[in-house]
Amino acid sequence: MPMIDIIAEHDPRVQVTFNVPIKGRQNPLIFSVPMIQYMSKDDSEAFREWFLKAREEETLTTRTSTLKLLGFVTSAKDFAILEKLADGTLNQISDKWEEASKVTPGESSASSDT
């Protein structure tokens, strides 16, 4: 029987890397996050609990949900920069992260690597 390789959440093939120019900085902020479906179980559950509460309290926005997700998967130093970004920039991060996390049924994120 052939061996089946499983892609783990830390594998570079399931990381999404962002390059964000920051006003006043010579170098952009470059950071990587896992595809959404590769977030840890604990982080996913914590986000789900937060999401349901925020929706119930009507405090849910694209900005708050994007920052909450980023808070789980970025360093404190990077997050301090990310939370100061304009809504439009955070919306782009959210859209591109979601887009990169989509996998067509029957395909894997590594299918183009073979």
C-alpha atoms as a PDB file:
ATOM      1  CA  MET A   1       0.000   0.000   0.000  1.00  0.00           C
ATOM      2  CA  PRO A   2       1.448   3.426  -0.898  1.00  0.00           C
ATOM      3  CA  MET A   3       2.339   5.896   1.820  1.00  0.00           C
ATOM      4  CA  ILE A   4       0.199   9.020   1.897  1.00  0.00           C
ATOM      5  CA  ASP A   5       1.917  12.246   2.892  1.00  0.00           C
ATOM      6  CA  ILE A   6      -0.195  14.603   4.961  1.00  0.00           C
ATOM      7  CA  ILE A   7       0.362  18.352   4.848  1.00  0.00           C
ATOM      8  CA  ALA A   8       0.568  19.773   8.379  1.00  0.00           C
ATOM      9  CA  GLU A   9      -0.406  23.288   9.415  1.00  0.00           C
ATOM     10  CA  HIS A  10       3.223  24.446   9.634  1.00  0.00           C
ATOM     11  CA  ASP A  11       4.069  23.343   6.072  1.00  0.00           C
ATOM     12  CA  PRO A  12       5.050  26.295   3.844  1.00  0.00           C
ATOM     13  CA  ARG A  13       2.598  25.064   1.174  1.00  0.00           C
ATOM     14  CA  VAL A  14      -0.341  26.027   3.394  1.00  0.00           C
ATOM     15  CA  GLN A  15       1.008  29.402   4.459  1.00  0.00           C
ATOM     16  CA  VAL A  16      -0.218  32.666   2.953  1.00  0.00           C
ATOM     17  CA  THR A  17       2.438  35.382   2.920  1.00  0.00           C
ATOM     18  CA  PHE A  18       1.509  39.053   2.835  1.00  0.00           C
ATOM     19  CA  ASN A  19       3.695  42.010   1.857  1.00  0.00           C
ATOM     20  CA  VAL A  20       2.141  45.202   3.233  1.00  0.00           C
ATOM     21  CA  PRO A  21       3.740  48.622   2.634  1.00  0.00           C
ATOM     22  CA  ILE A  22       3.625  50.674   5.834  1.00  0.00           C
ATOM     23  CA  LYS A  23       3.703  54.466   5.679  1.00  0.00           C
ATOM     24  CA  GLY A  24       6.776  55.836   7.413  1.00  0.00           C
ATOM     25  CA  ARG A  25       8.702  52.553   7.225  1.00  0.00           C
ATOM     26  CA  GLN A  26      11.405  51.823   4.715  1.00  0.00           C
ATOM     27  CA  ASN A  27      10.575  48.112   4.634  1.00  0.00           C
ATOM     28  CA  PRO A  28       7.108  46.621   4.246  1.00  0.00           C
ATOM     29  CA  LEU A  29       5.566  44.349   6.840  1.00  0.00           C
ATOM     30  CA  ILE A  30       5.970  40.779   5.608  1.00  0.00           C
ATOM     31  CA  PHE A  31       4.115  38.119   7.553  1.00  0.00           C
ATOM     32  CA  SER A  32       2.691  34.657   6.966  1.00  0.00           C
ATOM     33  CA  VAL A  33      -0.484  33.055   8.238  1.00  0.00           C
ATOM     34  CA  PRO A  34      -1.827  29.547   7.756  1.00  0.00           C
ATOM     35  CA  MET A  35      -4.700  28.982   5.362  1.00  0.00           C
ATOM     36  CA  ILE A  36      -7.817  29.422   7.462  1.00  0.00           C
ATOM     37  CA  GLN A  37      -8.597  25.709   7.538  1.00  0.00           C
ATOM     38  CA  TYR A  38      -5.092  25.051   8.924  1.00  0.00           C
ATOM     39  CA  MET A  39      -5.522  27.197  12.036  1.00  0.00           C
ATOM     40  CA  SER A  40      -5.149  25.209  15.234  1.00  0.00           C
ATOM     41  CA  LYS A  41      -8.243  23.622  16.725  1.00  0.00           C
ATOM     42  CA  ASP A  42      -7.935  25.759  19.871  1.00  0.00           C
ATOM     43  CA  ASP A  43      -7.667  28.989  17.868  1.00  0.00           C
ATOM     44  CA  SER A  44     -10.567  27.988  15.609  1.00  0.00           C
ATOM     45  CA  GLU A  45     -12.785  27.212  18.593  1.00  0.00           C
ATOM     46  CA  ALA A  46     -11.815  30.434  20.372  1.00  0.00           C
ATOM     47  CA  PHE A  47     -12.561  32.423  17.209  1.00  0.00           C
ATOM     48  CA  ARG A  48     -15.914  30.675  16.774  1.00  0.00           C
ATOM     49  CA  GLU A  49     -16.929  31.536  20.349  1.00  0.00           C
ATOM     50  CA  TRP A  50     -15.849  35.150  19.876  1.00  0.00           C
ATOM     51  CA  PHE A  51     -17.612  35.335  16.493  1.00  0.00           C
ATOM     52  CA  LEU A  52     -20.941  34.086  17.854  1.00  0.00           C
ATOM     53  CA  LYS A  53     -20.792  36.521  20.776  1.00  0.00           C
ATOM     54  CA  ALA A  54     -19.831  39.472  18.534  1.00  0.00           C
ATOM     55  CA  ARG A  55     -22.628  38.642  16.115  1.00  0.00           C
ATOM     56  CA  GLU A  56     -25.132  38.403  18.943  1.00  0.00           C
ATOM     57  CA  GLU A  57     -23.955  41.733  20.385  1.00  0.00           C
ATOM     58  CA  GLU A  58     -23.981  43.256  16.886  1.00  0.00           C
ATOM     59  CA  THR A  59     -20.334  44.315  17.154  1.00  0.00           C
ATOM     60  CA  LEU A  60     -19.132  42.110  14.302  1.00  0.00           C
ATOM     61  CA  THR A  61     -17.393  43.880  11.408  1.00  0.00           C
ATOM     62  CA  THR A  62     -14.930  42.767   8.765  1.00  0.00           C
ATOM     63  CA  ARG A  63     -12.284  44.776  10.611  1.00  0.00           C
ATOM     64  CA  THR A  64     -12.932  43.195  14.008  1.00  0.00           C
ATOM     65  CA  SER A  65     -13.128  39.659  12.648  1.00  0.00           C
ATOM     66  CA  THR A  66      -9.985  40.056  10.517  1.00  0.00           C
ATOM     67  CA  LEU A  67      -8.037  41.481  13.437  1.00  0.00           C
ATOM     68  CA  LYS A  68      -9.296  38.740  15.749  1.00  0.00           C
ATOM     69  CA  LEU A  69      -8.104  36.052  13.320  1.00  0.00           C
ATOM     70  CA  LEU A  70      -4.768  37.808  12.795  1.00  0.00           C
ATOM     71  CA  GLY A  71      -4.321  38.031  16.555  1.00  0.00           C
ATOM     72  CA  PHE A  72      -4.277  34.244  16.757  1.00  0.00           C
ATOM     73  CA  VAL A  73      -1.662  33.690  14.057  1.00  0.00           C
ATOM     74  CA  THR A  74       0.717  36.673  14.082  1.00  0.00           C
ATOM     75  CA  SER A  75       3.330  37.862  16.530  1.00  0.00           C
ATOM     76  CA  ALA A  76       2.466  40.620  18.978  1.00  0.00           C
ATOM     77  CA  LYS A  77       4.915  42.900  17.170  1.00  0.00           C
ATOM     78  CA  ASP A  78       3.280  42.341  13.766  1.00  0.00           C
ATOM     79  CA  PHE A  79      -0.214  42.571  15.249  1.00  0.00           C
ATOM     80  CA  ALA A  80       0.584  45.978  16.776  1.00  0.00           C
ATOM     81  CA  ILE A  81       1.248  47.221  13.237  1.00  0.00           C
ATOM     82  CA  LEU A  82      -1.705  45.399  11.672  1.00  0.00           C
ATOM     83  CA  GLU A  83      -4.257  46.836  14.077  1.00  0.00           C
ATOM     84  CA  LYS A  84      -3.322  50.353  12.941  1.00  0.00           C
ATOM     85  CA  LEU A  85      -4.016  49.666   9.257  1.00  0.00           C
ATOM     86  CA  ALA A  86      -6.894  51.275   7.401  1.00  0.00           C
ATOM     87  CA  ASP A  87     -10.082  49.293   6.884  1.00  0.00           C
ATOM     88  CA  GLY A  88      -9.392  49.026   3.153  1.00  0.00           C
ATOM     89  CA  THR A  89      -6.008  47.419   3.757  1.00  0.00           C
ATOM     90  CA  LEU A  90      -7.458  44.984   6.293  1.00  0.00           C
ATOM     91  CA  ASN A  91     -10.276  44.172   3.863  1.00  0.00           C
ATOM     92  CA  GLN A  92      -7.687  43.286   1.214  1.00  0.00           C
ATOM     93  CA  ILE A  93      -5.873  41.022   3.684  1.00  0.00           C
ATOM     94  CA  SER A  94      -9.163  39.353   4.606  1.00  0.00           C
ATOM     95  CA  ASP A  95     -10.203  38.864   0.960  1.00  0.00           C
ATOM     96  CA  LYS A  96      -6.816  37.523  -0.169  1.00  0.00           C
ATOM     97  CA  TRP A  97      -6.538  35.231   2.876  1.00  0.00           C
ATOM     98  CA  GLU A  98      -9.994  33.804   2.218  1.00  0.00           C
ATOM     99  CA  GLU A  99      -9.253  33.429  -1.495  1.00  0.00           C
ATOM    100  CA  ALA A 100      -5.931  31.659  -0.828  1.00  0.00           C
ATOM    101  CA  SER A 101      -7.667  29.349   1.664  1.00  0.00           C
ATOM    102  CA  LYS A 102     -10.235  28.080  -0.828  1.00  0.00           C
ATOM    103  CA  VAL A 103      -9.572  24.638  -2.211  1.00  0.00           C
ATOM    104  CA  THR A 104     -11.689  23.170  -4.985  1.00  0.00           C
ATOM    105  CA  PRO A 105     -13.234  19.834  -3.962  1.00  0.00           C
ATOM    106  CA  GLY A 106     -10.981  17.005  -5.095  1.00  0.00           C
ATOM    107  CA  GLU A 107      -7.954  19.291  -5.112  1.00  0.00           C
ATOM    108  CA  SER A 108      -5.381  19.996  -2.464  1.00  0.00           C
ATOM    109  CA  SER A 109      -3.362  23.141  -1.942  1.00  0.00           C
ATOM    110  CA  ALA A 110      -0.301  21.185  -2.994  1.00  0.00           C
ATOM    111  CA  SER A 111      -1.823  19.853  -6.237  1.00  0.00           C
ATOM    112  CA  SER A 112       0.136  22.326  -8.315  1.00  0.00           C
ATOM    113  CA  ASP A 113       3.383  21.190  -6.695  1.00  0.00           C
ATOM    114  CA  THR A 114       3.316  17.761  -8.325  1.00  0.00           C
END
